[in-house]
């Protein structure tokens, strides 16, 4: 609801000192190499093994998670396995049914990303700066770009105006 969204925006704003402490004036940068997937629905670029900023970013993510948990905006972390997998999403399949299933009269089925279609590709995807942390709406009207609508944004590596 609108009150929860505002509380989440306020919490993101309150993460500014955490970002300043973690990154100072330079936004974090990560190198990416190789591909992975979450199930067969999301294809992502993996974070490479040599990343000087990954430790600071991981601590920052944990601090943000604790702040959001404390304000009861997210459920407590179960403490099993990695709660956060650093990655860049490259492709996400739609929940719309595949054309093949529609032609056969089948029910709605999600298109799948098969591992054999990307295994062995892309040894090095380069290094990229992470300019901001975004609070996105996971439901509701999506942007024309296909990206989740951004509700609020916190610059990383610099203080936002007025903070």
Protein backbone atom coordinates (compact mmCIF):
# COMPACT_ATOMS: atom_id res chain seq x y z
CA UNK A 1 0.00 0.00 0.00
CA UNK A 2 1.03 3.66 -0.29
CA UNK A 3 2.09 3.94 3.36
CA UNK A 4 4.48 0.96 3.01
CA UNK A 5 5.95 2.42 -0.18
CA UNK A 6 6.58 5.70 1.61
CA UNK A 7 8.18 3.87 4.55
CA UNK A 8 10.45 2.03 2.08
CA UNK A 9 11.38 5.32 0.39
CA UNK A 10 12.17 6.85 3.79
CA UNK A 11 14.31 3.84 4.69
CA UNK A 12 16.23 4.14 1.42
CA UNK A 13 16.87 7.83 2.13
CA UNK A 14 18.13 6.85 5.60
CA UNK A 15 20.67 4.50 3.95
CA UNK A 16 22.64 7.53 2.66
CA UNK A 17 25.09 7.53 5.63
CA UNK A 18 25.65 3.78 5.10
CA UNK A 19 26.51 4.41 1.44
CA UNK A 20 28.83 7.28 2.36
CA UNK A 21 30.64 5.11 4.91
CA UNK A 22 30.91 2.16 2.50
CA UNK A 23 31.98 3.97 -0.66
CA UNK A 24 33.10 7.52 0.12
CA UNK A 25 33.03 9.58 -3.08
CA UNK A 26 33.67 6.81 -5.64
CA UNK A 27 30.81 4.52 -6.70
CA UNK A 28 31.64 0.82 -6.38
CA UNK A 29 32.65 -1.05 -9.53
CA UNK A 30 32.42 -4.76 -10.20
CA UNK A 31 33.80 -6.94 -12.99
CA UNK A 32 31.58 -9.59 -14.50
CA UNK A 33 32.56 -12.87 -16.11
CA UNK A 34 30.46 -15.85 -17.07
CA UNK A 35 26.75 -16.48 -17.00
CA UNK A 36 24.39 -18.16 -14.56
CA UNK A 37 20.68 -18.53 -14.00
CA UNK A 38 18.05 -18.56 -11.33
CA UNK A 39 16.08 -21.63 -12.28
CA UNK A 40 15.36 -21.47 -15.98
CA UNK A 41 13.67 -18.07 -15.83
CA UNK A 42 16.47 -15.53 -15.24
CA UNK A 43 19.83 -15.34 -17.05
CA UNK A 44 22.46 -13.24 -15.32
CA UNK A 45 26.09 -12.13 -15.54
CA UNK A 46 28.20 -13.49 -12.69
CA UNK A 47 30.45 -11.27 -10.60
CA UNK A 48 34.06 -12.15 -11.38
CA UNK A 49 36.48 -13.46 -8.76
CA UNK A 50 38.72 -10.35 -8.60
CA UNK A 51 36.57 -7.51 -7.28
CA UNK A 52 38.08 -5.02 -4.84
CA UNK A 53 34.69 -3.38 -4.15
CA UNK A 54 32.73 -6.60 -3.57
CA UNK A 55 33.50 -6.80 0.16
CA UNK A 56 32.40 -3.20 0.78
CA UNK A 57 29.30 -3.73 -1.37
CA UNK A 58 28.43 -6.94 0.50
CA UNK A 59 28.72 -5.17 3.87
CA UNK A 60 26.57 -2.31 2.56
CA UNK A 61 23.90 -4.75 1.35
CA UNK A 62 23.87 -6.43 4.77
CA UNK A 63 23.52 -3.05 6.52
CA UNK A 64 20.62 -2.08 4.21
CA UNK A 65 18.96 -5.46 4.78
CA UNK A 66 19.20 -5.02 8.56
CA UNK A 67 17.72 -1.51 8.37
CA UNK A 68 14.79 -2.75 6.27
CA UNK A 69 14.29 -5.74 8.60
CA UNK A 70 14.37 -3.50 11.68
CA UNK A 71 11.64 -1.33 10.14
CA UNK A 72 9.65 -4.48 9.29
CA UNK A 73 9.72 -3.72 5.57
CA UNK A 74 11.15 -7.14 4.69
CA UNK A 75 10.95 -10.48 6.51
CA UNK A 76 13.90 -11.60 8.63
CA UNK A 77 16.64 -13.41 6.71
CA UNK A 78 16.36 -17.20 7.17
CA UNK A 79 20.13 -17.43 7.61
CA UNK A 80 20.40 -20.39 5.21
CA UNK A 81 22.65 -20.03 2.16
CA UNK A 82 23.47 -16.75 0.49
CA UNK A 83 20.75 -14.15 1.07
CA UNK A 84 22.18 -11.98 -1.70
CA UNK A 85 23.70 -13.12 -4.99
CA UNK A 86 25.49 -10.20 -6.67
CA UNK A 87 24.67 -10.27 -10.39
CA UNK A 88 23.36 -8.31 -13.34
CA UNK A 89 20.13 -9.64 -14.83
CA UNK A 90 20.47 -9.97 -18.60
CA UNK A 91 17.21 -11.73 -19.47
CA UNK A 92 14.04 -12.67 -17.64
CA UNK A 93 11.33 -14.76 -19.24
CA UNK A 94 7.76 -13.57 -19.26
CA UNK A 95 4.95 -15.24 -17.39
CA UNK A 96 2.99 -15.17 -20.65
CA UNK A 97 2.47 -18.54 -22.25
CA UNK A 98 4.85 -19.67 -24.96
CA UNK A 99 3.64 -19.47 -28.60
CA UNK A 100 4.14 -23.24 -29.02
CA UNK A 101 1.84 -24.09 -26.08
CA UNK A 102 -0.79 -21.63 -27.31
CA UNK A 103 -0.76 -23.27 -30.77
CA UNK A 104 -1.21 -26.71 -29.20
CA UNK A 105 -4.03 -25.45 -27.01
CA UNK A 106 -2.02 -25.98 -23.84
CA UNK A 107 -2.29 -23.91 -20.71
CA UNK A 108 -0.10 -21.01 -19.83
CA UNK A 109 3.52 -22.07 -19.69
CA UNK A 110 6.54 -19.92 -19.04
CA UNK A 111 9.29 -19.88 -21.63
CA UNK A 112 12.51 -21.40 -20.26
CA UNK A 113 16.18 -20.50 -20.56
CA UNK A 114 18.01 -23.75 -21.10
CA UNK A 115 21.57 -23.95 -19.62
CA UNK A 116 22.96 -25.51 -22.80
CA UNK A 117 22.04 -22.32 -24.66
CA UNK A 118 24.56 -20.20 -22.69
CA UNK A 119 27.09 -22.58 -21.12
CA UNK A 120 30.63 -21.77 -22.20
CA UNK A 121 29.78 -18.28 -23.48
CA UNK A 122 31.24 -14.94 -22.38
CA UNK A 123 34.48 -15.30 -20.48
CA UNK A 124 34.74 -11.57 -19.68
CA UNK A 125 31.89 -9.07 -19.57
CA UNK A 126 33.93 -6.10 -18.34
CA UNK A 127 33.82 -3.84 -15.32
CA UNK A 128 30.89 -1.60 -14.50
CA UNK A 129 30.31 1.13 -11.91
CA UNK A 130 27.20 0.86 -9.76
CA UNK A 131 25.92 4.43 -9.62
CA UNK A 132 22.86 3.92 -7.41
CA UNK A 133 20.66 1.67 -5.31
CA UNK A 134 17.10 1.65 -6.64
CA UNK A 135 13.85 0.85 -4.88
CA UNK A 136 11.70 -0.80 -7.56
CA UNK A 137 8.06 -1.83 -7.74
CA UNK A 138 7.90 -5.56 -8.39
CA UNK A 139 4.19 -5.47 -9.27
CA UNK A 140 1.94 -3.15 -11.14
CA UNK A 141 2.50 -1.36 -14.39
CA UNK A 142 5.94 -1.88 -15.79
CA UNK A 143 7.86 0.74 -17.68
CA UNK A 144 7.93 0.64 -21.47
CA UNK A 145 11.58 -0.42 -21.21
CA UNK A 146 10.55 -3.65 -19.45
CA UNK A 147 12.47 -2.54 -16.35
CA UNK A 148 10.71 -2.44 -13.00
CA UNK A 149 9.35 1.02 -12.17
CA UNK A 150 11.86 2.90 -9.98
CA UNK A 151 10.16 4.35 -6.88
CA UNK A 152 13.26 5.92 -5.31
CA UNK A 153 16.99 6.04 -5.92
CA UNK A 154 20.05 6.47 -3.69
CA UNK A 155 23.32 7.52 -5.36
CA UNK A 156 26.30 5.39 -4.33
CA UNK A 157 29.66 7.03 -3.85
CA UNK A 158 28.23 10.50 -3.37
CA UNK A 159 25.76 12.05 -1.00
CA UNK A 160 22.35 12.96 -2.43
CA UNK A 161 21.41 16.63 -2.28
CA UNK A 162 19.94 17.66 1.05
CA UNK A 163 21.48 14.84 3.10
